[in-house]
Amino acid sequence: MKRLDDSLSAVREYERAAALDSSEENYFAWGAELLSHRATSPAVEVFGRGFRLHPNSARMLAGLAAALYTSGSADEAAQRLCQASDLDSRQSRSISLSWQDAGIVLNTIALR
């Protein structure tokens, strides 16, 4: 029970941080924390909201793709990851960044 309380506390902290400062970093951390606890539906919502707030964020799309994939929406996840790659290339950043962000989120889930 203690571990569940700690997990919920961590999720609430990230939620409060995003409420106080709706930065890309805070939304990504909140969504990743939700995913790490296998809360896929809320993670999809958080990453979706984060992307609406930060429409040029390939990282947010990669997180959304990871959340969609873990919720069983592989086709939509692939579309979002391709969209993230397109954003990366337009921003002259490494295309692999989106894939790396999604991998970090998925690896975090696998470790729990």
Protein backbone atom coordinates (compact mmCIF):
# COMPACT_ATOMS: atom_id res chain seq x y z
CA MET A 1 0.00 0.00 0.00
CA LYS A 2 2.91 2.34 0.72
CA ARG A 3 4.20 1.99 -2.85
CA LEU A 4 0.76 2.88 -4.27
CA ASP A 5 0.62 5.97 -2.05
CA ASP A 6 4.09 7.01 -3.26
CA SER A 7 3.07 6.45 -6.88
CA LEU A 8 -0.09 8.50 -6.54
CA SER A 9 1.84 11.19 -4.73
CA ALA A 10 4.36 11.39 -7.57
CA VAL A 11 1.61 11.64 -10.19
CA ARG A 12 -0.10 14.40 -8.20
CA GLU A 13 3.18 16.32 -7.91
CA TYR A 14 3.67 16.24 -11.69
CA GLU A 15 0.06 17.29 -12.18
CA ARG A 16 0.54 20.26 -9.83
CA ALA A 17 3.77 21.23 -11.60
CA ALA A 18 1.97 21.23 -14.96
CA ALA A 19 -0.88 23.29 -13.50
CA LEU A 20 1.57 25.89 -12.17
CA ASP A 21 3.77 25.88 -15.27
CA SER A 22 2.35 24.34 -18.42
CA SER A 23 5.79 23.87 -19.95
CA GLU A 24 6.52 21.05 -22.35
CA GLU A 25 8.90 19.55 -19.81
CA ASN A 26 6.25 19.42 -17.06
CA TYR A 27 3.61 17.89 -19.31
CA PHE A 28 6.05 15.32 -20.66
CA ALA A 29 7.15 14.36 -17.14
CA TRP A 30 3.54 14.05 -15.99
CA GLY A 31 2.57 11.88 -18.96
CA ALA A 32 5.66 9.69 -18.58
CA GLU A 33 4.94 9.20 -14.88
CA LEU A 34 1.38 8.14 -15.66
CA LEU A 35 2.66 5.69 -18.26
CA SER A 36 5.20 4.28 -15.85
CA HIS A 37 2.25 3.30 -13.64
CA ARG A 38 0.37 1.88 -16.63
CA ALA A 39 -2.28 4.59 -16.48
CA THR A 40 -2.56 4.66 -20.25
CA SER A 41 -5.86 6.52 -20.73
CA PRO A 42 -4.86 9.44 -18.50
CA ALA A 43 -1.42 9.47 -20.17
CA VAL A 44 -3.03 9.74 -23.62
CA GLU A 45 -5.08 12.68 -22.31
CA VAL A 46 -2.06 14.42 -20.76
CA PHE A 47 0.18 13.99 -23.80
CA GLY A 48 -2.70 15.09 -26.06
CA ARG A 49 -3.28 18.20 -23.96
CA GLY A 50 0.46 18.82 -23.85
CA PHE A 51 0.64 18.63 -27.64
CA ARG A 52 -2.28 21.05 -28.01
CA LEU A 53 -0.38 23.48 -25.77
CA HIS A 54 2.94 22.80 -27.56
CA PRO A 55 2.01 22.01 -31.19
CA ASN A 56 5.63 22.11 -32.35
CA SER A 57 6.80 19.54 -29.81
CA ALA A 58 8.04 16.35 -31.41
CA ARG A 59 8.81 15.11 -27.91
CA MET A 60 5.17 15.47 -26.83
CA LEU A 61 4.04 13.59 -29.93
CA ALA A 62 6.53 10.82 -29.17
CA GLY A 63 5.09 10.52 -25.66
CA LEU A 64 1.58 10.47 -27.10
CA ALA A 65 2.68 7.74 -29.51
CA ALA A 66 4.05 5.67 -26.62
CA ALA A 67 0.82 6.12 -24.66
CA LEU A 68 -1.30 5.18 -27.67
CA TYR A 69 0.84 2.13 -28.34
CA THR A 70 0.55 0.87 -24.78
CA SER A 71 -3.21 1.41 -24.89
CA GLY A 72 -3.45 -0.86 -27.94
CA SER A 73 -3.75 1.79 -30.66
CA ALA A 74 -0.67 0.79 -32.64
CA ASP A 75 -1.80 2.35 -35.94
CA GLU A 76 -2.52 5.74 -34.39
CA ALA A 77 0.74 5.50 -32.42
CA ALA A 78 2.68 4.94 -35.66
CA GLN A 79 0.97 7.97 -37.24
CA ARG A 80 1.89 10.17 -34.29
CA LEU A 81 5.49 8.97 -34.31
CA CYS A 82 5.75 9.74 -38.03
CA GLN A 83 4.25 13.17 -37.34
CA ALA A 84 6.88 13.68 -34.62
CA SER A 85 9.62 12.70 -37.06
CA ASP A 86 8.26 15.22 -39.56
CA LEU A 87 8.38 17.95 -36.90
CA ASP A 88 11.95 16.99 -36.02
CA SER A 89 13.09 17.22 -39.62
CA ARG A 90 11.45 20.62 -40.13
CA GLN A 91 13.21 21.89 -37.03
CA SER A 92 16.58 20.64 -38.29
CA ARG A 93 16.90 18.35 -35.30
CA SER A 94 17.82 14.72 -35.28
CA ILE A 95 14.90 12.65 -36.52
CA SER A 96 15.87 9.95 -34.07
CA LEU A 97 14.97 12.23 -31.14
CA SER A 98 11.26 11.37 -31.40
CA TRP A 99 11.96 7.67 -31.50
CA GLN A 100 14.37 8.04 -28.61
CA ASP A 101 11.81 9.90 -26.47
CA ALA A 102 9.17 7.25 -27.16
CA GLY A 103 11.70 4.53 -26.36
CA ILE A 104 12.60 6.14 -23.04
CA VAL A 105 8.96 6.19 -22.04
CA LEU A 106 8.39 2.59 -23.14
CA ASN A 107 11.57 1.41 -21.41
CA THR A 108 10.43 3.09 -18.20
CA ILE A 109 7.18 1.16 -18.39
CA ALA A 110 8.99 -2.13 -18.96
CA LEU A 111 11.19 -1.59 -15.90
CA ARG A 112 8.23 -1.31 -13.52
